[in-house]
C-alpha atoms as a PDB file:
ATOM      1  CA  MET A   1      -0.166 -14.828  12.860  1.00  0.00           C
ATOM      2  CA  ALA A   2      -0.868 -17.067   9.854  1.00  0.00           C
ATOM      3  CA  LYS A   3      -3.138 -15.845   7.092  1.00  0.00           C
ATOM      4  CA  ILE A   4      -6.652 -17.226   6.917  1.00  0.00           C
ATOM      5  CA  ALA A   5      -8.926 -17.687   3.904  1.00  0.00           C
ATOM      6  CA  LEU A   6     -11.732 -15.142   3.726  1.00  0.00           C
ATOM      7  CA  ASN A   7     -14.569 -17.676   3.768  1.00  0.00           C
ATOM      8  CA  ARG A   8     -13.082 -19.355   6.841  1.00  0.00           C
ATOM      9  CA  LEU A   9     -12.613 -16.004   8.603  1.00  0.00           C
ATOM     10  CA  LEU A  10     -16.286 -15.156   8.079  1.00  0.00           C
ATOM     11  CA  SER A  11     -17.275 -18.461   9.692  1.00  0.00           C
ATOM     12  CA  LEU A  12     -15.234 -18.032  12.879  1.00  0.00           C
ATOM     13  CA  PRO A  13     -16.983 -17.663  16.257  1.00  0.00           C
ATOM     14  CA  PRO A  14     -16.832 -14.186  17.844  1.00  0.00           C
ATOM     15  CA  ALA A  15     -13.752 -14.662  20.042  1.00  0.00           C
ATOM     16  CA  ASP A  16     -11.682 -16.228  17.247  1.00  0.00           C
ATOM     17  CA  PHE A  17     -12.788 -13.588  14.716  1.00  0.00           C
ATOM     18  CA  LEU A  18     -11.720 -10.777  17.039  1.00  0.00           C
ATOM     19  CA  ASP A  19      -8.530 -12.574  17.965  1.00  0.00           C
ATOM     20  CA  HIS A  20      -7.551 -12.784  14.302  1.00  0.00           C
ATOM     21  CA  ILE A  21      -8.375  -9.294  12.965  1.00  0.00           C
ATOM     22  CA  GLY A  22      -9.567  -7.308  15.988  1.00  0.00           C
ATOM     23  CA  GLY A  23      -6.218  -5.514  16.203  1.00  0.00           C
ATOM     24  CA  ILE A  24      -6.154  -3.954  12.743  1.00  0.00           C
ATOM     25  CA  TYR A  25      -7.193  -0.649  14.324  1.00  0.00           C
ATOM     26  CA  GLU A  26      -4.583   0.247  16.940  1.00  0.00           C
ATOM     27  CA  LYS A  27      -5.842  -0.683  20.436  1.00  0.00           C
ATOM     28  CA  THR A  28      -9.413  -0.143  19.219  1.00  0.00           C
ATOM     29  CA  PRO A  29     -11.123  -3.538  18.963  1.00  0.00           C
ATOM     30  CA  TRP A  30     -14.607  -2.013  19.070  1.00  0.00           C
ATOM     31  CA  VAL A  31     -14.416  -1.218  15.344  1.00  0.00           C
ATOM     32  CA  VAL A  32     -14.164  -4.859  14.260  1.00  0.00           C
ATOM     33  CA  GLU A  33     -16.432  -5.981  17.100  1.00  0.00           C
ATOM     34  CA  GLU A  34     -19.236  -3.676  15.934  1.00  0.00           C
ATOM     35  CA  PHE A  35     -18.882  -4.986  12.385  1.00  0.00           C
ATOM     36  CA  TYR A  36     -19.094  -8.569  13.614  1.00  0.00           C
ATOM     37  CA  ASN A  37     -22.103  -7.926  15.829  1.00  0.00           C
ATOM     38  CA  ALA A  38     -23.974  -6.224  12.997  1.00  0.00           C
ATOM     39  CA  ASN A  39     -23.233  -8.842  10.347  1.00  0.00           C
ATOM     40  CA  LEU A  40     -22.014 -12.188  11.682  1.00  0.00           C
ATOM     41  CA  SER A  41     -23.112 -12.596  15.296  1.00  0.00           C
ATOM     42  CA  PRO A  42     -24.728 -15.984  16.082  1.00  0.00           C
ATOM     43  CA  THR A  43     -27.591 -14.028  17.662  1.00  0.00           C
ATOM     44  CA  LEU A  44     -28.626 -12.683  14.255  1.00  0.00           C
ATOM     45  CA  ASP A  45     -31.149 -14.269  11.922  1.00  0.00           C
ATOM     46  CA  PRO A  46     -29.271 -16.933   9.886  1.00  0.00           C
ATOM     47  CA  SER A  47     -30.437 -15.251   6.667  1.00  0.00           C
ATOM     48  CA  VAL A  48     -28.558 -12.070   7.659  1.00  0.00           C
ATOM     49  CA  ILE A  49     -25.337 -14.019   8.216  1.00  0.00           C
ATOM     50  CA  ALA A  50     -25.772 -15.906   4.939  1.00  0.00           C
ATOM     51  CA  ALA A  51     -26.339 -12.636   3.054  1.00  0.00           C
ATOM     52  CA  THR A  52     -23.192 -11.153   4.619  1.00  0.00           C
ATOM     53  CA  LYS A  53     -21.055 -14.093   3.473  1.00  0.00           C
ATOM     54  CA  VAL A  54     -22.393 -13.778  -0.068  1.00  0.00           C
ATOM     55  CA  ARG A  55     -21.961 -10.004  -0.158  1.00  0.00           C
ATOM     56  CA  ILE A  56     -18.387  -9.980   1.172  1.00  0.00           C
ATOM     57  CA  SER A  57     -16.753 -11.749  -1.739  1.00  0.00           C
ATOM     58  CA  ASN A  58     -13.281 -10.210  -1.330  1.00  0.00           C
ATOM     59  CA  VAL A  59     -11.081  -8.570   1.269  1.00  0.00           C
ATOM     60  CA  LYS A  60     -11.726  -5.030  -0.030  1.00  0.00           C
ATOM     61  CA  ILE A  61     -15.459  -5.354   0.522  1.00  0.00           C
ATOM     62  CA  LEU A  62     -14.779  -6.684   4.006  1.00  0.00           C
ATOM     63  CA  PHE A  63     -12.593  -3.703   4.846  1.00  0.00           C
ATOM     64  CA  ASP A  64     -14.976  -1.150   3.333  1.00  0.00           C
ATOM     65  CA  GLU A  65     -17.722  -2.415   5.619  1.00  0.00           C
ATOM     66  CA  ILE A  66     -15.473  -2.498   8.690  1.00  0.00           C
ATOM     67  CA  LYS A  67     -14.220   1.076   8.229  1.00  0.00           C
ATOM     68  CA  LEU A  68     -17.784   2.390   8.001  1.00  0.00           C
ATOM     69  CA  HIS A  69     -17.970   1.870  11.755  1.00  0.00           C
ATOM     70  CA  VAL A  70     -15.130   4.374  12.194  1.00  0.00           C
ATOM     71  CA  LYS A  71     -16.773   6.887   9.861  1.00  0.00           C
ATOM     72  CA  GLU A  72     -20.096   6.585  11.651  1.00  0.00           C
ATOM     73  CA  GLY A  73     -18.610   6.334  15.153  1.00  0.00           C
ATOM     74  CA  GLY A  74     -18.798  10.051  15.925  1.00  0.00           C
ATOM     75  CA  MET A  75     -16.099  12.625  16.606  1.00  0.00           C
ATOM     76  CA  GLU A  76     -15.433  11.600  20.205  1.00  0.00           C
ATOM     77  CA  ARG A  77     -14.689   7.977  19.304  1.00  0.00           C
ATOM     78  CA  GLN A  78     -12.683   9.035  16.256  1.00  0.00           C
ATOM     79  CA  LEU A  79     -10.444  11.234  18.390  1.00  0.00           C
ATOM     80  CA  GLU A  80     -10.083   8.404  20.890  1.00  0.00           C
ATOM     81  CA  LEU A  81      -8.963   6.196  18.011  1.00  0.00           C
ATOM     82  CA  LEU A  82      -6.381   8.774  16.869  1.00  0.00           C
ATOM     83  CA  ARG A  83      -5.030   9.152  20.399  1.00  0.00           C
ATOM     84  CA  SER A  84      -4.628   5.385  20.716  1.00  0.00           C
ATOM     85  CA  HIS A  85      -1.788   5.508  18.167  1.00  0.00           C
ATOM     86  CA  PRO A  86       1.797   5.831  19.412  1.00  0.00           C
ATOM     87  CA  ASP A  87       4.185   8.598  18.521  1.00  0.00           C
ATOM     88  CA  LEU A  88       6.505   7.693  15.684  1.00  0.00           C
ATOM     89  CA  CYS A  89       9.421   6.563  17.840  1.00  0.00           C
ATOM     90  CA  LEU A  90      12.892   7.873  17.061  1.00  0.00           C
ATOM     91  CA  LYS A  91      14.346   4.631  18.376  1.00  0.00           C
ATOM     92  CA  LEU A  92      12.677   1.248  18.508  1.00  0.00           C
ATOM     93  CA  ASP A  93      12.858   1.059  22.287  1.00  0.00           C
ATOM     94  CA  PRO A  94      11.590  -2.370  23.431  1.00  0.00           C
ATOM     95  CA  ASP A  95      10.198  -0.709  26.566  1.00  0.00           C
ATOM     96  CA  VAL A  96       7.904   1.650  24.644  1.00  0.00           C
ATOM     97  CA  ASP A  97       4.278   0.568  25.019  1.00  0.00           C
ATOM     98  CA  ILE A  98       3.226   0.038  21.413  1.00  0.00           C
ATOM     99  CA  THR A  99       1.722  -2.940  19.651  1.00  0.00           C
ATOM    100  CA  GLU A 100       3.940  -5.364  17.785  1.00  0.00           C
ATOM    101  CA  GLU A 101       2.274  -4.283  14.519  1.00  0.00           C
ATOM    102  CA  SER A 102       3.285  -0.659  15.136  1.00  0.00           C
ATOM    103  CA  ARG A 103       6.817  -1.692  16.089  1.00  0.00           C
ATOM    104  CA  VAL A 104       7.274  -3.606  12.829  1.00  0.00           C
ATOM    105  CA  GLU A 105       5.771  -0.791  10.736  1.00  0.00           C
ATOM    106  CA  GLN A 106       7.918   1.884  12.347  1.00  0.00           C
ATOM    107  CA  GLY A 107      11.022  -0.261  11.948  1.00  0.00           C
ATOM    108  CA  ARG A 108      10.549  -0.294   8.195  1.00  0.00           C
ATOM    109  CA  SER A 109      10.398   3.496   7.983  1.00  0.00           C
ATOM    110  CA  GLY A 110      14.083   3.953   8.882  1.00  0.00           C
ATOM    111  CA  LEU A 111      13.388   6.467  11.662  1.00  0.00           C
ATOM    112  CA  ALA A 112      16.074   4.796  13.765  1.00  0.00           C
ATOM    113  CA  THR A 113      18.641   5.981  11.186  1.00  0.00           C
ATOM    114  CA  LEU A 114      17.848   9.699  11.473  1.00  0.00           C
ATOM    115  CA  THR A 115      20.916  11.912  11.577  1.00  0.00           C
ATOM    116  CA  PRO A 116      21.291  14.306  14.542  1.00  0.00           C
ATOM    117  CA  ASP A 117      19.962  17.199  12.424  1.00  0.00           C
ATOM    118  CA  GLU A 118      17.045  15.129  11.148  1.00  0.00           C
ATOM    119  CA  ARG A 119      16.265  13.965  14.678  1.00  0.00           C
ATOM    120  CA  ALA A 120      16.222  17.541  15.957  1.00  0.00           C
ATOM    121  CA  LYS A 121      13.919  18.591  13.120  1.00  0.00           C
ATOM    122  CA  PHE A 122      11.627  15.644  13.769  1.00  0.00           C
ATOM    123  CA  ARG A 123      11.381  16.452  17.484  1.00  0.00           C
ATOM    124  CA  GLU A 124      10.645  20.110  16.821  1.00  0.00           C
ATOM    125  CA  LEU A 125       7.934  19.401  14.247  1.00  0.00           C
ATOM    126  CA  ASN A 126       6.463  16.522  16.240  1.00  0.00           C
ATOM    127  CA  GLY A 127       6.196  18.744  19.314  1.00  0.00           C
ATOM    128  CA  LYS A 128       4.413  21.478  17.341  1.00  0.00           C
ATOM    129  CA  TYR A 129       2.065  18.920  15.832  1.00  0.00           C
ATOM    130  CA  LYS A 130       1.021  17.374  19.164  1.00  0.00           C
ATOM    131  CA  GLU A 131       0.598  20.783  20.786  1.00  0.00           C
ATOM    132  CA  LYS A 132      -1.641  21.965  17.955  1.00  0.00           C
ATOM    133  CA  PHE A 133      -3.775  18.890  17.326  1.00  0.00           C
ATOM    134  CA  ARG A 134      -3.701  17.033  20.663  1.00  0.00           C
ATOM    135  CA  PHE A 135      -3.168  13.658  19.040  1.00  0.00           C
ATOM    136  CA  PRO A 136      -0.052  11.931  17.634  1.00  0.00           C
ATOM    137  CA  PHE A 137       1.158  12.420  14.087  1.00  0.00           C
ATOM    138  CA  ILE A 138      -0.070   9.365  12.187  1.00  0.00           C
ATOM    139  CA  LEU A 139       1.294   8.109   8.869  1.00  0.00           C
ATOM    140  CA  ALA A 140       1.033   4.687   7.253  1.00  0.00           C
ATOM    141  CA  VAL A 141       4.788   4.089   7.336  1.00  0.00           C
ATOM    142  CA  ARG A 142       4.957   0.414   6.340  1.00  0.00           C
ATOM    143  CA  ASN A 143       6.642   1.255   3.025  1.00  0.00           C
ATOM    144  CA  ALA A 144       7.586   4.897   3.675  1.00  0.00           C
ATOM    145  CA  SER A 145      11.119   6.228   4.088  1.00  0.00           C
ATOM    146  CA  LYS A 146      12.301   8.573   6.818  1.00  0.00           C
ATOM    147  CA  TYR A 147      12.257  11.348   4.201  1.00  0.00           C
ATOM    148  CA  THR A 148       8.595  10.668   3.465  1.00  0.00           C
ATOM    149  CA  VAL A 149       7.832  10.879   7.191  1.00  0.00           C
ATOM    150  CA  LEU A 150       9.702  14.164   7.657  1.00  0.00           C
ATOM    151  CA  THR A 151       8.159  15.747   4.555  1.00  0.00           C
ATOM    152  CA  ALA A 152       4.634  14.704   5.542  1.00  0.00           C
ATOM    153  CA  LEU A 153       5.085  16.012   9.077  1.00  0.00           C
ATOM    154  CA  GLU A 154       6.484  19.312   7.835  1.00  0.00           C
ATOM    155  CA  GLY A 155       3.501  19.803   5.521  1.00  0.00           C
ATOM    156  CA  ARG A 156       0.708  18.593   7.773  1.00  0.00           C
ATOM    157  CA  VAL A 157       1.691  20.581  10.850  1.00  0.00           C
ATOM    158  CA  ASN A 158       0.304  23.636   9.007  1.00  0.00           C
ATOM    159  CA  SER A 159      -3.093  22.051   8.258  1.00  0.00           C
ATOM    160  CA  SER A 160      -6.349  23.208   9.787  1.00  0.00           C
ATOM    161  CA  ILE A 161      -7.690  21.061  12.609  1.00  0.00           C
ATOM    162  CA  GLU A 162     -10.611  19.869  10.488  1.00  0.00           C
ATOM    163  CA  ASP A 163      -8.405  18.909   7.550  1.00  0.00           C
ATOM    164  CA  GLU A 164      -5.865  17.173   9.766  1.00  0.00           C
ATOM    165  CA  ILE A 165      -8.466  15.078  11.572  1.00  0.00           C
ATOM    166  CA  SER A 166      -9.729  13.924   8.168  1.00  0.00           C
ATOM    167  CA  CYS A 167      -6.176  13.202   6.976  1.00  0.00           C
ATOM    168  CA  ALA A 168      -5.236  11.353  10.167  1.00  0.00           C
ATOM    169  CA  LEU A 169      -8.360   9.179   9.961  1.00  0.00           C
ATOM    170  CA  PHE A 170      -7.471   8.368   6.338  1.00  0.00           C
ATOM    171  CA  GLN A 171      -4.014   7.267   7.483  1.00  0.00           C
ATOM    172  CA  VAL A 172      -5.544   5.173  10.269  1.00  0.00           C
ATOM    173  CA  ASP A 173      -7.739   3.420   7.702  1.00  0.00           C
ATOM    174  CA  LYS A 174      -4.711   2.837   5.471  1.00  0.00           C
ATOM    175  CA  ILE A 175      -2.782   1.286   8.369  1.00  0.00           C
ATOM    176  CA  ALA A 176      -5.726  -0.972   9.205  1.00  0.00           C
ATOM    177  CA  TRP A 177      -6.076  -1.984   5.547  1.00  0.00           C
ATOM    178  CA  MET A 178      -2.416  -2.964   5.242  1.00  0.00           C
ATOM    179  CA  ARG A 179      -2.643  -4.943   8.471  1.00  0.00           C
ATOM    180  CA  LEU A 180      -5.743  -6.739   7.241  1.00  0.00           C
ATOM    181  CA  LEU A 181      -3.923  -7.779   4.073  1.00  0.00           C
ATOM    182  CA  THR A 182      -1.264  -9.499   6.185  1.00  0.00           C
ATOM    183  CA  LEU A 183      -3.957 -11.505   7.986  1.00  0.00           C
ATOM    184  CA  VAL A 184      -6.386 -12.528   5.243  1.00  0.00           C
ATOM    185  CA  ASP A 185      -5.347 -14.748   2.341  1.00  0.00           C
ATOM    186  CA  CYS A 186      -5.800 -12.671  -0.810  1.00  0.00           C
ATOM    187  CA  ALA A 187      -4.907 -15.626  -3.048  1.00  0.00           C
ATOM    188  CA  GLU A 188      -7.868 -17.697  -1.986  1.00  0.00           C
ATOM    189  CA  GLY A 189      -8.916 -20.124  -4.731  1.00  0.00           C
ATOM    190  CA  SER A 190      -7.394 -20.141  -8.198  1.00  0.00           C
ATOM    191  CA  ASN A 191      -8.249 -16.588  -9.234  1.00  0.00           C
ATOM    192  CA  GLY A 192      -7.124 -14.520  -6.277  1.00  0.00           C
ATOM    193  CA  HIS A 193      -9.286 -11.434  -5.732  1.00  0.00           C
ATOM    194  CA  GLY A 194      -9.444 -10.233  -9.333  1.00  0.00           C
ATOM    195  CA  GLY A 195      -6.670  -7.626  -9.351  1.00  0.00           C
ATOM    196  CA  PHE A 196      -4.184  -7.408 -12.221  1.00  0.00           C
ATOM    197  CA  LEU A 197      -1.292  -5.333 -13.570  1.00  0.00           C
ATOM    198  CA  THR A 198      -0.890  -4.161 -17.165  1.00  0.00           C
ATOM    199  CA  CYS A 199       1.551  -1.959 -19.070  1.00  0.00           C
ATOM    200  CA  HIS A 200       1.588   0.044 -22.323  1.00  0.00           C
ATOM    201  CA  VAL A 201       4.447   1.934 -24.014  1.00  0.00           C
ATOM    202  CA  LEU A 202       3.966   4.614 -26.677  1.00  0.00           C
ATOM    203  CA  ASP A 203       6.844   5.988 -28.778  1.00  0.00           C
ATOM    204  CA  THR A 204       5.995   9.647 -29.443  1.00  0.00           C
ATOM    205  CA  ALA A 205       9.351  10.245 -31.155  1.00  0.00           C
ATOM    206  CA  ASN A 206       8.331   7.953 -34.020  1.00  0.00           C
ATOM    207  CA  GLY A 207       4.566   8.308 -33.643  1.00  0.00           C
ATOM    208  CA  CYS A 208       3.812   4.648 -32.947  1.00  0.00           C
ATOM    209  CA  PRO A 209       3.424   2.060 -30.207  1.00  0.00           C
ATOM    210  CA  ALA A 210       6.789   0.920 -28.844  1.00  0.00           C
ATOM    211  CA  SER A 211       6.899  -2.556 -30.344  1.00  0.00           C
ATOM    212  CA  GLY A 212       9.661  -4.978 -29.392  1.00  0.00           C
ATOM    213  CA  MET A 213      10.809  -3.239 -26.210  1.00  0.00           C
ATOM    214  CA  ARG A 214      12.133  -5.404 -23.401  1.00  0.00           C
ATOM    215  CA  ILE A 215      10.597  -4.688 -19.994  1.00  0.00           C
ATOM    216  CA  ASP A 216      11.621  -6.361 -16.715  1.00  0.00           C
ATOM    217  CA  LEU A 217       9.362  -6.584 -13.681  1.00  0.00           C
ATOM    218  CA  TYR A 218      10.894  -6.740 -10.190  1.00  0.00           C
ATOM    219  CA  GLN A 219       9.358  -7.074  -6.749  1.00  0.00           C
ATOM    220  CA  TYR A 220      10.919  -5.678  -3.561  1.00  0.00           C
ATOM    221  CA  ASP A 221      10.862  -7.737  -0.384  1.00  0.00           C
ATOM    222  CA  ASP A 222       9.742  -6.437   3.020  1.00  0.00           C
ATOM    223  CA  GLY A 223      13.208  -6.490   4.561  1.00  0.00           C
ATOM    224  CA  PRO A 224      15.050  -3.346   5.678  1.00  0.00           C
ATOM    225  CA  GLU A 225      17.404  -3.573   2.685  1.00  0.00           C
ATOM    226  CA  LYS A 226      14.505  -3.731   0.195  1.00  0.00           C
ATOM    227  CA  GLN A 227      16.093  -6.428  -1.938  1.00  0.00           C
ATOM    228  CA  ARG A 228      14.495  -6.811  -5.343  1.00  0.00           C
ATOM    229  CA  VAL A 229      13.761 -10.031  -7.192  1.00  0.00           C
ATOM    230  CA  LEU A 230      13.223 -10.357 -10.949  1.00  0.00           C
ATOM    231  CA  LEU A 231       9.754 -11.779 -11.554  1.00  0.00           C
ATOM    232  CA  GLU A 232       9.692 -11.883 -15.353  1.00  0.00           C
ATOM    233  CA  SER A 233      11.000 -10.256 -18.540  1.00  0.00           C
ATOM    234  CA  PHE A 234       8.541  -9.196 -21.235  1.00  0.00           C
ATOM    235  CA  MET A 235       8.638  -7.996 -24.833  1.00  0.00           C
ATOM    236  CA  THR A 236       6.019  -5.537 -26.053  1.00  0.00           C
ATOM    237  CA  ASN A 237       3.847  -6.514 -29.022  1.00  0.00           C
ATOM    238  CA  SER A 238       2.902  -4.456 -32.096  1.00  0.00           C
ATOM    239  CA  ASP A 239       0.498  -2.411 -29.951  1.00  0.00           C
ATOM    240  CA  GLY A 240       3.152  -1.596 -27.340  1.00  0.00           C
ATOM    241  CA  ARG A 241       1.471  -3.890 -24.812  1.00  0.00           C
ATOM    242  CA  LEU A 242       2.531  -7.141 -23.151  1.00  0.00           C
ATOM    243  CA  SER A 243       1.857 -10.111 -25.427  1.00  0.00           C
ATOM    244  CA  LYS A 244       0.877 -12.436 -22.576  1.00  0.00           C
ATOM    245  CA  GLY A 245      -1.764 -10.080 -21.195  1.00  0.00           C
ATOM    246  CA  PRO A 246      -1.527  -8.871 -17.584  1.00  0.00           C
ATOM    247  CA  ALA A 247       1.951  -9.021 -16.063  1.00  0.00           C
ATOM    248  CA  LEU A 248       0.414 -10.076 -12.746  1.00  0.00           C
ATOM    249  CA  SER A 249      -2.990 -11.599 -12.077  1.00  0.00           C
ATOM    250  CA  GLY A 250      -4.697 -14.276 -10.029  1.00  0.00           C
ATOM    251  CA  THR A 251      -2.640 -15.650  -7.158  1.00  0.00           C
ATOM    252  CA  ALA A 252       0.529 -13.962  -8.490  1.00  0.00           C
ATOM    253  CA  PHE A 253      -0.981 -10.522  -7.874  1.00  0.00           C
ATOM    254  CA  ARG A 254       0.125  -9.567  -4.378  1.00  0.00           C
ATOM    255  CA  PRO A 255       0.333  -6.199  -2.586  1.00  0.00           C
ATOM    256  CA  GLY A 256       3.842  -4.814  -2.315  1.00  0.00           C
ATOM    257  CA  GLN A 257       6.468  -2.636  -3.972  1.00  0.00           C
ATOM    258  CA  TYR A 258       7.470  -3.306  -7.574  1.00  0.00           C
ATOM    259  CA  GLU A 259       9.646  -1.828 -10.296  1.00  0.00           C
ATOM    260  CA  TRP A 260       9.433  -1.786 -14.070  1.00  0.00           C
ATOM    261  CA  ILE A 261      12.711  -1.520 -15.997  1.00  0.00           C
ATOM    262  CA  PHE A 262      12.184  -0.202 -19.527  1.00  0.00           C
ATOM    263  CA  TRP A 263      15.122  -0.899 -21.870  1.00  0.00           C
ATOM    264  CA  VAL A 264      14.602   2.264 -23.893  1.00  0.00           C
ATOM    265  CA  GLY A 265      18.130   2.603 -25.325  1.00  0.00           C
ATOM    266  CA  ASP A 266      18.011  -0.899 -26.784  1.00  0.00           C
ATOM    267  CA  TYR A 267      14.627  -0.126 -28.317  1.00  0.00           C
ATOM    268  CA  PHE A 268      15.792   3.096 -30.012  1.00  0.00           C
ATOM    269  CA  ALA A 269      18.949   1.422 -31.347  1.00  0.00           C
ATOM    270  CA  LYS A 270      16.903  -0.196 -34.112  1.00  0.00           C
ATOM    271  CA  PHE A 271      15.957   3.189 -35.637  1.00  0.00           C
ATOM    272  CA  SER A 272      18.580   4.702 -37.945  1.00  0.00           C
ATOM    273  CA  SER A 273      17.078   8.139 -37.257  1.00  0.00           C
ATOM    274  CA  SER A 274      17.831   7.850 -33.527  1.00  0.00           C
ATOM    275  CA  ARG A 275      21.614   8.172 -33.898  1.00  0.00           C
ATOM    276  CA  ILE A 276      22.182   6.155 -30.706  1.00  0.00           C
ATOM    277  CA  SER A 277      25.732   6.640 -29.419  1.00  0.00           C
ATOM    278  CA  GLY A 278      27.909   4.467 -27.205  1.00  0.00           C
ATOM    279  CA  THR A 279      26.518   6.372 -24.232  1.00  0.00           C
ATOM    280  CA  PRO A 280      22.809   6.882 -24.957  1.00  0.00           C
ATOM    281  CA  PHE A 281      21.100   9.952 -23.522  1.00  0.00           C
ATOM    282  CA  LEU A 282      18.059   7.844 -22.653  1.00  0.00           C
ATOM    283  CA  ASP A 283      19.016   4.259 -21.857  1.00  0.00           C
ATOM    284  CA  VAL A 284      17.364   2.331 -19.003  1.00  0.00           C
ATOM    285  CA  VAL A 285      14.211   3.837 -17.463  1.00  0.00           C
ATOM    286  CA  PRO A 286      13.197   2.511 -14.006  1.00  0.00           C
ATOM    287  CA  LEU A 287       9.749   3.124 -12.530  1.00  0.00           C
ATOM    288  CA  ARG A 288       9.056   2.031  -8.961  1.00  0.00           C
ATOM    289  CA  PHE A 289       5.443   1.723  -7.825  1.00  0.00           C
ATOM    290  CA  GLY A 290       3.253   0.076  -5.219  1.00  0.00           C
ATOM    291  CA  LEU A 291       0.238  -2.215  -5.314  1.00  0.00           C
ATOM    292  CA  ASP A 292      -1.921  -2.248  -2.200  1.00  0.00           C
ATOM    293  CA  ASP A 293      -5.338  -3.469  -3.336  1.00  0.00           C
ATOM    294  CA  PRO A 294      -5.622  -7.075  -4.594  1.00  0.00           C
ATOM    295  CA  THR A 295      -9.013  -6.318  -6.151  1.00  0.00           C
ATOM    296  CA  GLU A 296      -7.930  -3.444  -8.428  1.00  0.00           C
ATOM    297  CA  HIS A 297      -6.616  -3.094 -11.985  1.00  0.00           C
ATOM    298  CA  TYR A 298      -3.301  -1.204 -11.982  1.00  0.00           C
ATOM    299  CA  HIS A 299      -2.056   0.160 -15.305  1.00  0.00           C
ATOM    300  CA  VAL A 300       1.446   1.608 -15.770  1.00  0.00           C
ATOM    301  CA  PRO A 301       1.851   3.512 -19.063  1.00  0.00           C
ATOM    302  CA  LEU A 302       5.054   4.965 -20.470  1.00  0.00           C
ATOM    303  CA  LEU A 303       3.514   7.598 -22.720  1.00  0.00           C
ATOM    304  CA  LYS A 304       6.347   9.806 -23.949  1.00  0.00           C
ATOM    305  CA  LEU A 305       9.602   8.514 -25.349  1.00  0.00           C
ATOM    306  CA  GLU A 306      11.991  10.875 -27.101  1.00  0.00           C
ATOM    307  CA  VAL A 307      15.732  10.927 -27.620  1.00  0.00           C
ATOM    308  CA  LEU A 308      16.878  14.477 -26.959  1.00  0.00           C
ATOM    309  CA  SER A 309      20.123  15.965 -28.188  1.00  0.00           C
ATOM    310  CA  SER A 310      21.519  19.423 -28.724  1.00  0.00           C
END
């Protein structure tokens, strides 16, 4: 489904609004429907609708108001929501009754590539989990690996029922949020939704900001191979920050997986005290991270740089 601008989404009639984002909570359209009826229904006073459109100025505000209906829905409806989610399938069987959104998300997790031992472990833990909690194990797996899934399952199967219900509902909200981002245009207008990415490098070995260090910024695509694309190369200024300001902002700031590459060995080569050899101990430092909120300021500092030798 094509993305839609936020202001246009908020002006859609009920059926079209639900058709576009009513599926962000797995097989639970009542969540979005209750939000719409309380804020945008044509039966409301026009002043209420106008106030809603002014108040919801970005996609994060929209989601925060939608998820309140889950929080305030009561335990019975919350458990019904949890039970509406499918098991994390070991194989992407086309005959399994799950939504297309879940199929895509599970495909990215790599569960279909589990080894026989990993598959046996998954089945054992998954069985214990369902027997204990009476709802499926839920994890926002859009950008998770099979190792993340197995580790989370192994840890959470030992949780108390109260803690696990809270954790599962958090994961459900995270899934709905990521789905919403694929449906609503976060680059609406010229300034996006206000989020931006910055970086700062401090050289503790020499007691100063790391000036003149090259840093490359990559973005990973959504494909199964996670191919990365170089977005831009930067050089830090005298304060150890990026001279141009934020590395990403406005319409360029998009949710996804990214990686900084810090060229630390090249930086230290300029100091005679560093004694950099042909094979530096500390050379290229990668740092992979994720951005999932187009309204937030993300800051990635590299705070401790030292060349160690014995």
